[in-house]
Amino acid sequence: MSTATALAARPAARPVSGYVLPARCAKLPLMAAVALLPWLGVLAVSHETPWVVLDLVEFAALLTLDALLRRRDAGALWAGAAAALLLTGDALADIACAGPGHAVLAALVMACCIELPLAAVCLLLGREAALRRY
């Protein structure tokens, strides 16, 4: 088989479309997991067990995503989706359970400035890891 025939027989590379995150964004899941630790301490001291459990699961999902991204594993797609789902659910639960006044405002600010943007980054990181594998 000639080189031209071999090249023609190979499948065409799949085009990557959409927004591509900068390489430094791959560090965000680990940084977010580390930043979550002091908040977990505050919740534990306040005896907020359901929120501690939810944030521990988020912590585990973020660390899993980071580990899979470092290994360049295609499973990062699912880990990114799981982390995004947990972060979005946490944001919605915070808003729904917040009391009136400043509490709901604080929940909205946390959701719009931290949790939902981090969820979007987790989704994009997982998507990019899966596209690099194919």
Foldseek 3Di string as FASTA:
>chain_A
DDPVVVVVPDDDQDDDDDDADDPVLLCVLVVVLVVCVVVLVVCVVVVVVVVNVLSVVLSVLSVVLSVCLVVLHLCLQVSLQVNLVSLQVVLVVQLVPFDPDPSNVVSVCCSVPPSNVSSVSSNNSSVVSNSVVD
